[in-house]
Amino acid sequence: MAFFLQAVTSLASGAWLFNPFVDPGDIRNTMLNLANHAAFVRAGIVGDILTALGIIFLAATLFAAVGRQNKAMALVALGLYIFEAGILVVSKFVVFVLLNISQQYAAAGAPTWEALGSLALETADFIYRVHIIPFGLGAAIFYYLLYKSRIVPKWLSLWGLTTVPFVLIGALWITSGFYIPPVFLALSVFYVPFEFVAGIYIFCQRRS
């Protein structure tokens, strides 16, 4: 349940409630979109805060499940997940600032607001990408301990363990300002359904 809920809230808040209003390369249109859909943007902020809480809940659940394998490693992974959640919340504060700037721009239309809006959008995007780095490190540790614990099938823990490094490398590439090769982008996509599948599979197994 923790896997599934965290994945759903993350997808809903980002893909459905914020990203559709961002027009790459056109900050003016982006700010007007955000101002005209303020309720959706606020819902996305709340959704990502719930995602942050879900990350902590998932981390605590994983720690309880695999902590006996190696408590020190599990504690490191738990701390990385909590750090990830904190960074995510900070990025949402910046989005809230961006929304207020966008509303001021929609009302006044001063060029100064465009510069501030562009800075806020770039800052929010950068911070959001950074939060993937502690996630990737923590997830790799947790999935390794899951594999050792054998409390889930090996294929499931290996799926997460072998695909999450590509997500981590991609995040490092992007935040460093380098172009990410298509091969890493393609391999990262294989991780996307993992949390949904893991959540549904484990839940169904426990129910049966």
N, C-alpha and C. Protein backbone atom coordinates (compact mmCIF):
# COMPACT_ATOMS: atom_id res chain seq x y z
N MET A 1 0.83 -1.20 0.00
CA MET A 1 0.00 0.00 0.00
C MET A 1 0.87 1.26 0.00
N ALA A 2 1.95 1.24 0.76
CA ALA A 2 2.86 2.40 0.81
C ALA A 2 3.50 2.64 -0.55
N PHE A 3 3.93 1.56 -1.21
CA PHE A 3 4.50 1.68 -2.56
C PHE A 3 3.48 2.33 -3.52
N PHE A 4 2.29 1.78 -3.51
CA PHE A 4 1.28 2.20 -4.48
C PHE A 4 0.82 3.64 -4.25
N LEU A 5 0.53 4.00 -3.01
CA LEU A 5 0.04 5.34 -2.71
C LEU A 5 1.07 6.40 -3.02
N GLN A 6 2.34 6.12 -2.70
CA GLN A 6 3.40 7.09 -2.98
C GLN A 6 3.55 7.31 -4.48
N ALA A 7 3.43 6.24 -5.26
CA ALA A 7 3.55 6.35 -6.71
C ALA A 7 2.38 7.12 -7.31
N VAL A 8 1.17 6.87 -6.82
CA VAL A 8 -0.03 7.52 -7.36
C VAL A 8 -0.01 9.02 -7.07
N THR A 9 0.27 9.42 -5.83
CA THR A 9 0.27 10.85 -5.49
C THR A 9 1.36 11.60 -6.24
N SER A 10 2.51 10.95 -6.46
CA SER A 10 3.59 11.59 -7.20
C SER A 10 3.18 11.83 -8.65
N LEU A 11 2.58 10.83 -9.27
CA LEU A 11 2.15 10.96 -10.67
C LEU A 11 1.06 12.00 -10.81
N ALA A 12 0.07 11.96 -9.91
CA ALA A 12 -1.07 12.88 -10.02
C ALA A 12 -0.65 14.33 -9.85
N SER A 13 0.17 14.62 -8.85
CA SER A 13 0.53 16.01 -8.55
C SER A 13 1.44 16.60 -9.62
N GLY A 14 2.34 15.81 -10.18
CA GLY A 14 3.26 16.34 -11.17
C GLY A 14 2.72 16.30 -12.57
N ALA A 15 2.34 15.12 -13.02
CA ALA A 15 1.94 14.94 -14.42
C ALA A 15 0.59 15.55 -14.75
N TRP A 16 -0.31 15.63 -13.78
CA TRP A 16 -1.68 16.08 -14.07
C TRP A 16 -1.99 17.47 -13.55
N LEU A 17 -1.34 17.90 -12.47
CA LEU A 17 -1.77 19.13 -11.82
C LEU A 17 -0.77 20.28 -11.92
N PHE A 18 0.39 20.05 -12.53
CA PHE A 18 1.37 21.14 -12.69
C PHE A 18 1.99 21.16 -14.08
N ASN A 19 2.60 20.06 -14.48
CA ASN A 19 3.33 20.02 -15.75
C ASN A 19 2.50 20.44 -16.97
N PRO A 20 1.20 20.11 -17.04
CA PRO A 20 0.43 20.52 -18.23
C PRO A 20 0.35 22.04 -18.43
N PHE A 21 0.60 22.81 -17.38
CA PHE A 21 0.49 24.27 -17.48
C PHE A 21 1.84 24.94 -17.75
N VAL A 22 2.90 24.16 -17.80
CA VAL A 22 4.22 24.71 -18.06
C VAL A 22 4.50 24.65 -19.57
N ASP A 23 4.77 25.80 -20.15
CA ASP A 23 5.08 25.90 -21.57
C ASP A 23 6.59 26.12 -21.71
N PRO A 24 7.36 25.08 -22.01
CA PRO A 24 8.82 25.22 -22.10
C PRO A 24 9.22 26.30 -23.09
N GLY A 25 10.09 27.18 -22.63
CA GLY A 25 10.59 28.24 -23.50
C GLY A 25 9.73 29.48 -23.55
N ASP A 26 8.58 29.47 -22.87
CA ASP A 26 7.70 30.64 -22.89
C ASP A 26 7.22 30.91 -21.46
N ILE A 27 7.97 31.70 -20.73
CA ILE A 27 7.64 31.95 -19.33
C ILE A 27 6.36 32.76 -19.20
N ARG A 28 6.09 33.64 -20.17
CA ARG A 28 4.88 34.44 -20.10
C ARG A 28 3.63 33.56 -20.18
N ASN A 29 3.62 32.65 -21.14
CA ASN A 29 2.48 31.75 -21.28
C ASN A 29 2.37 30.82 -20.08
N THR A 30 3.51 30.38 -19.58
CA THR A 30 3.52 29.52 -18.39
C THR A 30 2.89 30.23 -17.19
N MET A 31 3.29 31.47 -16.95
CA MET A 31 2.78 32.22 -15.80
C MET A 31 1.28 32.49 -15.94
N LEU A 32 0.84 32.79 -17.15
CA LEU A 32 -0.60 33.02 -17.36
C LEU A 32 -1.38 31.72 -17.15
N ASN A 33 -0.81 30.60 -17.62
CA ASN A 33 -1.46 29.30 -17.40
C ASN A 33 -1.59 28.99 -15.91
N LEU A 34 -0.50 29.23 -15.18
CA LEU A 34 -0.51 28.96 -13.74
C LEU A 34 -1.51 29.86 -13.03
N ALA A 35 -1.54 31.14 -13.40
CA ALA A 35 -2.47 32.08 -12.76
C ALA A 35 -3.91 31.72 -13.04
N ASN A 36 -4.18 31.24 -14.25
CA ASN A 36 -5.55 30.90 -14.64
C ASN A 36 -6.00 29.54 -14.12
N HIS A 37 -5.06 28.75 -13.64
CA HIS A 37 -5.40 27.42 -13.10
C HIS A 37 -4.81 27.27 -11.69
N ALA A 38 -4.97 28.32 -10.91
CA ALA A 38 -4.37 28.35 -9.57
C ALA A 38 -4.85 27.21 -8.69
N ALA A 39 -6.12 26.84 -8.80
CA ALA A 39 -6.66 25.76 -7.96
C ALA A 39 -5.96 24.44 -8.25
N PHE A 40 -5.67 24.18 -9.53
CA PHE A 40 -4.98 22.95 -9.89
C PHE A 40 -3.54 22.97 -9.37
N VAL A 41 -2.90 24.12 -9.48
CA VAL A 41 -1.51 24.24 -9.00
C VAL A 41 -1.45 24.02 -7.50
N ARG A 42 -2.40 24.62 -6.78
CA ARG A 42 -2.42 24.43 -5.31
C ARG A 42 -2.69 22.96 -4.97
N ALA A 43 -3.57 22.33 -5.74
CA ALA A 43 -3.84 20.91 -5.51
C ALA A 43 -2.58 20.08 -5.77
N GLY A 44 -1.80 20.48 -6.78
CA GLY A 44 -0.54 19.79 -7.05
C GLY A 44 0.45 19.95 -5.92
N ILE A 45 0.49 21.14 -5.31
CA ILE A 45 1.37 21.38 -4.17
C ILE A 45 0.98 20.49 -3.00
N VAL A 46 -0.32 20.45 -2.72
CA VAL A 46 -0.80 19.58 -1.65
C VAL A 46 -0.50 18.11 -1.96
N GLY A 47 -0.69 17.74 -3.24
CA GLY A 47 -0.41 16.37 -3.64
C GLY A 47 1.05 15.99 -3.42
N ASP A 48 1.97 16.90 -3.73
CA ASP A 48 3.39 16.59 -3.53
C ASP A 48 3.77 16.58 -2.06
N ILE A 49 3.10 17.37 -1.25
CA ILE A 49 3.34 17.30 0.20
C ILE A 49 2.86 15.95 0.73
N LEU A 50 1.72 15.49 0.22
CA LEU A 50 1.25 14.14 0.58
C LEU A 50 2.23 13.08 0.08
N THR A 51 2.81 13.33 -1.10
CA THR A 51 3.83 12.42 -1.62
C THR A 51 5.03 12.36 -0.68
N ALA A 52 5.44 13.52 -0.15
CA ALA A 52 6.57 13.56 0.79
C ALA A 52 6.26 12.75 2.05
N LEU A 53 5.02 12.89 2.54
CA LEU A 53 4.62 12.08 3.70
C LEU A 53 4.60 10.60 3.33
N GLY A 54 4.16 10.30 2.10
CA GLY A 54 4.15 8.92 1.64
C GLY A 54 5.54 8.35 1.52
N ILE A 55 6.50 9.17 1.13
CA ILE A 55 7.91 8.73 1.04
C ILE A 55 8.41 8.31 2.42
N ILE A 56 8.09 9.13 3.43
CA ILE A 56 8.53 8.82 4.80
C ILE A 56 7.84 7.55 5.30
N PHE A 57 6.54 7.42 4.99
CA PHE A 57 5.79 6.23 5.39
C PHE A 57 6.38 4.98 4.71
N LEU A 58 6.68 5.10 3.41
CA LEU A 58 7.28 3.97 2.68
C LEU A 58 8.64 3.61 3.26
N ALA A 59 9.44 4.64 3.57
CA ALA A 59 10.76 4.39 4.15
C ALA A 59 10.66 3.67 5.49
N ALA A 60 9.72 4.12 6.32
CA ALA A 60 9.54 3.48 7.63
C ALA A 60 9.09 2.03 7.46
N THR A 61 8.23 1.79 6.47
CA THR A 61 7.74 0.44 6.21
C THR A 61 8.87 -0.46 5.73
N LEU A 62 9.68 0.06 4.81
CA LEU A 62 10.81 -0.72 4.31
C LEU A 62 11.83 -0.97 5.41
N PHE A 63 12.06 0.04 6.25
CA PHE A 63 13.01 -0.13 7.36
C PHE A 63 12.54 -1.24 8.30
N ALA A 64 11.23 -1.24 8.59
CA ALA A 64 10.69 -2.28 9.47
C ALA A 64 10.80 -3.66 8.83
N ALA A 65 10.71 -3.70 7.50
CA ALA A 65 10.73 -4.99 6.80
C ALA A 65 12.13 -5.56 6.65
N VAL A 66 13.13 -4.69 6.41
CA VAL A 66 14.47 -5.20 6.06
C VAL A 66 15.54 -4.78 7.06
N GLY A 67 15.17 -4.07 8.11
CA GLY A 67 16.15 -3.59 9.07
C GLY A 67 16.99 -4.68 9.71
N ARG A 68 16.42 -5.88 9.82
CA ARG A 68 17.17 -6.97 10.45
C ARG A 68 18.33 -7.45 9.58
N GLN A 69 18.26 -7.22 8.29
CA GLN A 69 19.33 -7.66 7.40
C GLN A 69 20.63 -6.90 7.66
N ASN A 70 20.49 -5.59 7.81
CA ASN A 70 21.65 -4.74 8.12
C ASN A 70 21.09 -3.41 8.63
N LYS A 71 21.06 -3.26 9.95
CA LYS A 71 20.42 -2.09 10.54
C LYS A 71 21.10 -0.79 10.13
N ALA A 72 22.42 -0.79 10.05
CA ALA A 72 23.15 0.44 9.70
C ALA A 72 22.79 0.88 8.29
N MET A 73 22.80 -0.05 7.33
CA MET A 73 22.44 0.28 5.95
C MET A 73 20.99 0.74 5.86
N ALA A 74 20.12 0.08 6.59
CA ALA A 74 18.70 0.45 6.57
C ALA A 74 18.49 1.84 7.14
N LEU A 75 19.25 2.19 8.18
CA LEU A 75 19.15 3.53 8.75
C LEU A 75 19.62 4.60 7.77
N VAL A 76 20.69 4.30 7.05
CA VAL A 76 21.18 5.24 6.02
C VAL A 76 20.11 5.45 4.96
N ALA A 77 19.50 4.36 4.50
CA ALA A 77 18.44 4.45 3.49
C ALA A 77 17.25 5.24 4.01
N LEU A 78 16.89 5.00 5.27
CA LEU A 78 15.78 5.73 5.88
C LEU A 78 16.09 7.23 5.92
N GLY A 79 17.30 7.58 6.32
CA GLY A 79 17.69 8.99 6.36
C GLY A 79 17.67 9.62 4.98
N LEU A 80 18.10 8.88 3.96
CA LEU A 80 18.09 9.41 2.59
C LEU A 80 16.67 9.66 2.10
N TYR A 81 15.75 8.78 2.45
CA TYR A 81 14.35 8.97 2.06
C TYR A 81 13.75 10.19 2.75
N ILE A 82 14.07 10.36 4.02
CA ILE A 82 13.56 11.53 4.75
C ILE A 82 14.15 12.81 4.15
N PHE A 83 15.43 12.77 3.80
CA PHE A 83 16.08 13.91 3.14
C PHE A 83 15.40 14.20 1.80
N GLU A 84 15.11 13.15 1.05
CA GLU A 84 14.40 13.30 -0.22
C GLU A 84 13.06 14.01 -0.02
N ALA A 85 12.31 13.56 0.99
CA ALA A 85 11.01 14.16 1.26
C ALA A 85 11.13 15.64 1.62
N GLY A 86 12.16 15.98 2.38
CA GLY A 86 12.38 17.38 2.75
C GLY A 86 12.68 18.25 1.55
N ILE A 87 13.53 17.74 0.64
CA ILE A 87 13.85 18.50 -0.57
C ILE A 87 12.60 18.70 -1.42
N LEU A 88 11.78 17.67 -1.52
CA LEU A 88 10.54 17.76 -2.30
C LEU A 88 9.62 18.85 -1.75
N VAL A 89 9.49 18.92 -0.44
CA VAL A 89 8.64 19.95 0.18
C VAL A 89 9.20 21.34 -0.10
N VAL A 90 10.51 21.49 -0.03
CA VAL A 90 11.13 22.80 -0.33
C VAL A 90 10.80 23.22 -1.75
N SER A 91 10.86 22.29 -2.70
CA SER A 91 10.54 22.62 -4.09
C SER A 91 9.11 23.09 -4.24
N LYS A 92 8.22 22.58 -3.40
CA LYS A 92 6.80 22.99 -3.49
C LYS A 92 6.60 24.39 -2.91
N PHE A 93 7.43 24.78 -1.92
CA PHE A 93 7.37 26.16 -1.43
C PHE A 93 7.74 27.13 -2.55
N VAL A 94 8.73 26.73 -3.36
CA VAL A 94 9.14 27.58 -4.49
C VAL A 94 8.03 27.64 -5.53
N VAL A 95 7.33 26.54 -5.75
CA VAL A 95 6.18 26.54 -6.68
C VAL A 95 5.09 27.48 -6.17
N PHE A 96 4.88 27.50 -4.86
CA PHE A 96 3.88 28.41 -4.28
C PHE A 96 4.28 29.87 -4.54
N VAL A 97 5.57 30.16 -4.39
CA VAL A 97 6.06 31.51 -4.70
C VAL A 97 5.85 31.81 -6.18
N LEU A 98 6.14 30.83 -7.05
CA LEU A 98 5.94 31.00 -8.48
C LEU A 98 4.48 31.30 -8.81
N LEU A 99 3.57 30.62 -8.14
CA LEU A 99 2.15 30.86 -8.38
C LEU A 99 1.77 32.29 -8.02
N ASN A 100 2.27 32.77 -6.88
CA ASN A 100 1.96 34.15 -6.48
C ASN A 100 2.55 35.17 -7.45
N ILE A 101 3.76 34.91 -7.92
CA ILE A 101 4.38 35.78 -8.92
C ILE A 101 3.55 35.78 -10.20
N SER A 102 3.08 34.60 -10.59
CA SER A 102 2.28 34.47 -11.81
C SER A 102 0.98 35.24 -11.69
N GLN A 103 0.37 35.20 -10.53
CA GLN A 103 -0.89 35.94 -10.33
C GLN A 103 -0.65 37.45 -10.38
N GLN A 104 0.48 37.88 -9.83
CA GLN A 104 0.82 39.30 -9.90
C GLN A 104 1.09 39.71 -11.35
N TYR A 105 1.74 38.83 -12.09
CA TYR A 105 2.02 39.12 -13.50
C TYR A 105 0.73 39.20 -14.31
N ALA A 106 -0.20 38.27 -14.04
CA ALA A 106 -1.47 38.27 -14.77
C ALA A 106 -2.26 39.54 -14.50
N ALA A 107 -2.11 40.08 -13.28
CA ALA A 107 -2.85 41.29 -12.92
C ALA A 107 -2.17 42.56 -13.43
N ALA A 108 -0.83 42.61 -13.38
CA ALA A 108 -0.11 43.84 -13.72
C ALA A 108 0.62 43.78 -15.06
N GLY A 109 1.15 42.59 -15.39
CA GLY A 109 1.84 42.42 -16.66
C GLY A 109 3.20 43.09 -16.74
N ALA A 110 3.80 43.43 -15.62
CA ALA A 110 5.10 44.10 -15.63
C ALA A 110 6.20 43.11 -16.02
N PRO A 111 7.16 43.54 -16.86
CA PRO A 111 8.27 42.66 -17.27
C PRO A 111 9.09 42.12 -16.10
N THR A 112 9.13 42.89 -15.01
CA THR A 112 9.90 42.45 -13.84
C THR A 112 9.40 41.10 -13.33
N TRP A 113 8.09 40.89 -13.39
CA TRP A 113 7.52 39.64 -12.91
C TRP A 113 7.96 38.46 -13.77
N GLU A 114 8.22 38.72 -15.06
CA GLU A 114 8.68 37.65 -15.95
C GLU A 114 10.03 37.13 -15.49
N ALA A 115 10.94 38.03 -15.17
CA ALA A 115 12.27 37.63 -14.72
C ALA A 115 12.19 36.84 -13.41
N LEU A 116 11.35 37.32 -12.49
CA LEU A 116 11.18 36.63 -11.21
C LEU A 116 10.52 35.27 -11.41
N GLY A 117 9.54 35.23 -12.30
CA GLY A 117 8.86 33.96 -12.57
C GLY A 117 9.80 32.94 -13.19
N SER A 118 10.64 33.39 -14.12
CA SER A 118 11.60 32.50 -14.75
C SER A 118 12.58 31.95 -13.72
N LEU A 119 13.05 32.80 -12.82
CA LEU A 119 13.98 32.37 -11.77
C LEU A 119 13.31 31.36 -10.85
N ALA A 120 12.06 31.63 -10.46
CA ALA A 120 11.34 30.72 -9.55
C ALA A 120 11.10 29.37 -10.22
N LEU A 121 10.73 29.38 -11.50
CA LEU A 121 10.47 28.13 -12.22
C LEU A 121 11.73 27.29 -12.33
N GLU A 122 12.85 27.94 -12.69
CA GLU A 122 14.12 27.22 -12.81
C GLU A 122 14.57 26.67 -11.46
N THR A 123 14.35 27.46 -10.41
CA THR A 123 14.75 27.01 -9.06
C THR A 123 13.93 25.82 -8.62
N ALA A 124 12.60 25.90 -8.82
CA ALA A 124 11.71 24.80 -8.44
C ALA A 124 12.07 23.53 -9.21
N ASP A 125 12.36 23.68 -10.50
CA ASP A 125 12.69 22.53 -11.34
C ASP A 125 14.02 21.91 -10.89
N PHE A 126 15.00 22.74 -10.57
CA PHE A 126 16.30 22.23 -10.14
C PHE A 126 16.18 21.48 -8.80
N ILE A 127 15.48 22.10 -7.84
CA ILE A 127 15.33 21.46 -6.54
C ILE A 127 14.58 20.14 -6.67
N TYR A 128 13.56 20.13 -7.52
CA TYR A 128 12.78 18.89 -7.71
C TYR A 128 13.67 17.78 -8.27
N ARG A 129 14.54 18.12 -9.22
CA ARG A 129 15.44 17.12 -9.79
C ARG A 129 16.44 16.62 -8.75
N VAL A 130 16.89 17.52 -7.88
CA VAL A 130 17.88 17.14 -6.86
C VAL A 130 17.29 16.09 -5.91
N HIS A 131 15.99 16.16 -5.65
CA HIS A 131 15.41 15.22 -4.68
C HIS A 131 15.48 13.77 -5.16
N ILE A 132 15.70 13.58 -6.47
CA ILE A 132 15.80 12.22 -7.00
C ILE A 132 17.13 11.57 -6.59
N ILE A 133 18.14 12.38 -6.30
CA ILE A 133 19.46 11.84 -5.97
C ILE A 133 19.43 11.06 -4.64
N PRO A 134 18.97 11.64 -3.53
CA PRO A 134 18.89 10.82 -2.31
C PRO A 134 17.91 9.65 -2.45
N PHE A 135 16.86 9.86 -3.27
CA PHE A 135 15.93 8.74 -3.51
C PHE A 135 16.66 7.57 -4.15
N GLY A 136 17.43 7.85 -5.21
CA GLY A 136 18.12 6.79 -5.92
C GLY A 136 19.09 6.03 -5.02
N LEU A 137 19.82 6.76 -4.18
CA LEU A 137 20.76 6.12 -3.27
C LEU A 137 20.04 5.27 -2.22
N GLY A 138 19.00 5.86 -1.63
CA GLY A 138 18.25 5.14 -0.60
C GLY A 138 17.52 3.93 -1.16
N ALA A 139 16.94 4.08 -2.35
CA ALA A 139 16.20 2.98 -2.96
C ALA A 139 17.13 1.82 -3.29
N ALA A 140 18.33 2.12 -3.80
CA ALA A 140 19.28 1.05 -4.12
C ALA A 140 19.62 0.24 -2.87
N ILE A 141 19.79 0.92 -1.75
CA ILE A 141 20.09 0.21 -0.49
C ILE A 141 18.91 -0.63 -0.05
N PHE A 142 17.71 -0.04 -0.05
CA PHE A 142 16.53 -0.78 0.37
C PHE A 142 16.26 -1.99 -0.52
N TYR A 143 16.41 -1.83 -1.83
CA TYR A 143 16.13 -2.94 -2.74
C TYR A 143 17.16 -4.05 -2.59
N TYR A 144 18.40 -3.67 -2.28
CA TYR A 144 19.42 -4.68 -2.02
C TYR A 144 19.06 -5.48 -0.76
N LEU A 145 18.62 -4.78 0.26
CA LEU A 145 18.23 -5.46 1.50
C LEU A 145 16.96 -6.29 1.29
N LEU A 146 16.07 -5.80 0.43
CA LEU A 146 14.88 -6.60 0.09
C LEU A 146 15.29 -7.90 -0.60
N TYR A 147 16.27 -7.79 -1.49
CA TYR A 147 16.76 -8.98 -2.19
C TYR A 147 17.35 -9.98 -1.20
N LYS A 148 18.13 -9.49 -0.24
CA LYS A 148 18.74 -10.38 0.75
C LYS A 148 17.71 -11.00 1.68
N SER A 149 16.65 -10.24 1.99
CA SER A 149 15.66 -10.71 2.95
C SER A 149 14.76 -11.79 2.38
N ARG A 150 14.56 -11.75 1.06
CA ARG A 150 13.71 -12.71 0.36
C ARG A 150 12.25 -12.66 0.83
N ILE A 151 11.84 -11.52 1.36
CA ILE A 151 10.43 -11.40 1.77
C ILE A 151 9.54 -11.06 0.57
N VAL A 152 10.18 -10.71 -0.55
CA VAL A 152 9.46 -10.57 -1.81
C VAL A 152 10.21 -11.41 -2.84
N PRO A 153 9.57 -11.77 -3.95
CA PRO A 153 10.27 -12.58 -4.96
C PRO A 153 11.54 -11.88 -5.47
N LYS A 154 12.54 -12.66 -5.82
CA LYS A 154 13.80 -12.10 -6.28
C LYS A 154 13.64 -11.21 -7.51
N TRP A 155 12.73 -11.62 -8.42
CA TRP A 155 12.57 -10.85 -9.65
C TRP A 155 12.08 -9.44 -9.35
N LEU A 156 11.27 -9.29 -8.29
CA LEU A 156 10.72 -7.98 -7.95
C LEU A 156 11.80 -7.06 -7.39
N SER A 157 12.57 -7.58 -6.42
CA SER A 157 13.64 -6.75 -5.85
C SER A 157 14.75 -6.48 -6.87
N LEU A 158 15.03 -7.44 -7.76
CA LEU A 158 16.04 -7.23 -8.79
C LEU A 158 15.59 -6.19 -9.81
N TRP A 159 14.30 -6.13 -10.09
CA TRP A 159 13.77 -5.12 -11.00
C TRP A 159 14.11 -3.72 -10.46
N GLY A 160 13.79 -3.49 -9.20
CA GLY A 160 14.09 -2.19 -8.61
C GLY A 160 15.58 -1.94 -8.51
N LEU A 161 16.32 -2.98 -8.11
CA LEU A 161 17.76 -2.83 -7.87
C LEU A 161 18.53 -2.54 -9.16
N THR A 162 18.10 -3.10 -10.27
CA THR A 162 18.84 -2.93 -11.53
C THR A 162 18.39 -1.70 -12.33
N THR A 163 17.20 -1.19 -12.07
CA THR A 163 16.72 -0.04 -12.86
C THR A 163 16.88 1.30 -12.15
N VAL A 164 16.85 1.32 -10.81
CA VAL A 164 16.95 2.60 -10.11
C VAL A 164 18.30 3.29 -10.31
N PRO A 165 19.42 2.57 -10.51
CA PRO A 165 20.68 3.28 -10.79
C PRO A 165 20.62 4.16 -12.04
N PHE A 166 19.86 3.75 -13.04
CA PHE A 166 19.73 4.57 -14.25
C PHE A 166 18.97 5.86 -13.96
N VAL A 167 17.99 5.77 -13.06
CA VAL A 167 17.26 6.98 -12.63
C VAL A 167 18.22 7.92 -11.91
N LEU A 168 19.05 7.35 -11.03
CA LEU A 168 20.01 8.14 -10.27
C LEU A 168 21.05 8.79 -11.19
N ILE A 169 21.59 8.02 -12.11
CA ILE A 169 22.59 8.57 -13.04
C ILE A 169 21.98 9.66 -13.90
N GLY A 170 20.74 9.44 -14.35
CA GLY A 170 20.06 10.45 -15.14
C GLY A 170 19.86 11.74 -14.38
N ALA A 171 19.48 11.62 -13.10
CA ALA A 171 19.27 12.80 -12.27
C ALA A 171 20.58 13.56 -12.07
N LEU A 172 21.67 12.83 -11.83
CA LEU A 172 22.98 13.46 -11.67
C LEU A 172 23.39 14.17 -12.96
N TRP A 173 23.13 13.54 -14.09
CA TRP A 173 23.47 14.12 -15.38
C TRP A 173 22.73 15.44 -15.59
N ILE A 174 21.42 15.43 -15.33
CA ILE A 174 20.60 16.61 -15.59
C ILE A 174 20.95 17.75 -14.64
N THR A 175 21.07 17.45 -13.35
CA THR A 175 21.37 18.50 -12.37
C THR A 175 22.76 19.09 -12.57
N SER A 176 23.64 18.33 -13.22
CA SER A 176 24.99 18.84 -13.51
C SER A 176 25.01 19.69 -14.77
N GLY A 177 23.88 19.75 -15.46
CA GLY A 177 23.79 20.57 -16.66
C GLY A 177 24.23 19.88 -17.93
N PHE A 178 24.45 18.57 -17.85
CA PHE A 178 24.89 17.83 -19.03
C PHE A 178 23.70 17.20 -19.74
N TYR A 179 23.87 16.96 -21.01
CA TYR A 179 22.85 16.29 -21.82
C TYR A 179 22.78 14.83 -21.43
N ILE A 180 21.60 14.32 -21.19
CA ILE A 180 21.46 12.92 -20.81
C ILE A 180 21.30 12.07 -22.06
N PRO A 181 22.16 11.07 -22.25
CA PRO A 181 22.06 10.22 -23.44
C PRO A 181 20.70 9.52 -23.49
N PRO A 182 20.16 9.34 -24.68
CA PRO A 182 18.84 8.69 -24.83
C PRO A 182 18.80 7.30 -24.21
N VAL A 183 19.95 6.59 -24.22
CA VAL A 183 19.95 5.23 -23.68
C VAL A 183 19.63 5.24 -22.20
N PHE A 184 20.17 6.22 -21.44
CA PHE A 184 19.88 6.29 -20.02
C PHE A 184 18.43 6.70 -19.78
N LEU A 185 17.93 7.60 -20.64
CA LEU A 185 16.54 8.01 -20.52
C LEU A 185 15.61 6.82 -20.76
N ALA A 186 15.93 6.03 -21.78
CA ALA A 186 15.12 4.86 -22.11
C ALA A 186 15.17 3.82 -20.99
N LEU A 187 16.37 3.58 -20.44
CA LEU A 187 16.50 2.59 -19.37
C LEU A 187 15.83 3.06 -18.09
N SER A 188 15.80 4.38 -17.86
CA SER A 188 15.13 4.92 -16.68
C SER A 188 13.64 4.67 -16.72
N VAL A 189 13.09 4.62 -17.93
CA VAL A 189 11.65 4.42 -18.08
C VAL A 189 11.23 3.07 -17.51
N PHE A 190 12.13 2.09 -17.54
CA PHE A 190 11.78 0.76 -17.03
C PHE A 190 11.51 0.78 -15.53
N TYR A 191 12.01 1.81 -14.82
CA TYR A 191 11.74 1.88 -13.38
C TYR A 191 10.34 2.41 -13.09
N VAL A 192 9.82 3.23 -13.99
CA VAL A 192 8.58 3.96 -13.73
C VAL A 192 7.45 3.08 -13.21
N PRO A 193 7.16 1.93 -13.85
CA PRO A 193 6.04 1.12 -13.34
C PRO A 193 6.37 0.27 -12.11
N PHE A 194 7.64 0.29 -11.68
CA PHE A 194 8.05 -0.62 -10.61
C PHE A 194 7.23 -0.45 -9.34
N GLU A 195 7.07 0.79 -8.86
CA GLU A 195 6.39 1.01 -7.59
C GLU A 195 4.92 0.62 -7.67
N PHE A 196 4.29 0.87 -8.84
CA PHE A 196 2.91 0.44 -9.01
C PHE A 196 2.80 -1.09 -8.96
N VAL A 197 3.67 -1.76 -9.72
CA VAL A 197 3.63 -3.22 -9.77
C VAL A 197 3.98 -3.81 -8.41
N ALA A 198 5.01 -3.27 -7.75
CA ALA A 198 5.41 -3.78 -6.44
C ALA A 198 4.28 -3.62 -5.43
N GLY A 199 3.66 -2.44 -5.43
CA GLY A 199 2.57 -2.20 -4.49
C GLY A 199 1.40 -3.14 -4.70
N ILE A 200 0.99 -3.29 -5.96
CA ILE A 200 -0.15 -4.16 -6.27
C ILE A 200 0.18 -5.62 -5.99
N TYR A 201 1.39 -6.04 -6.38
CA TYR A 201 1.77 -7.45 -6.19
C TYR A 201 1.82 -7.82 -4.71
N ILE A 202 2.52 -6.99 -3.92
CA ILE A 202 2.67 -7.30 -2.49
C ILE A 202 1.31 -7.27 -1.80
N PHE A 203 0.48 -6.29 -2.16
CA PHE A 203 -0.86 -6.19 -1.54
C PHE A 203 -1.69 -7.42 -1.86
N CYS A 204 -1.67 -7.84 -3.13
CA CYS A 204 -2.45 -9.02 -3.53
C CYS A 204 -1.94 -10.29 -2.85
N GLN A 205 -0.62 -10.41 -2.72
CA GLN A 205 -0.05 -11.56 -2.04
C GLN A 205 -0.45 -11.62 -0.58
N ARG A 206 -0.44 -10.47 0.08
CA ARG A 206 -0.81 -10.43 1.50
C ARG A 206 -2.31 -10.73 1.67
N ARG A 207 -3.11 -10.26 0.71
CA ARG A 207 -4.55 -10.50 0.78
C ARG A 207 -4.87 -11.96 0.58
N SER A 208 -4.08 -12.62 -0.29
CA SER A 208 -4.34 -14.03 -0.57
C SER A 208 -3.77 -14.93 0.53
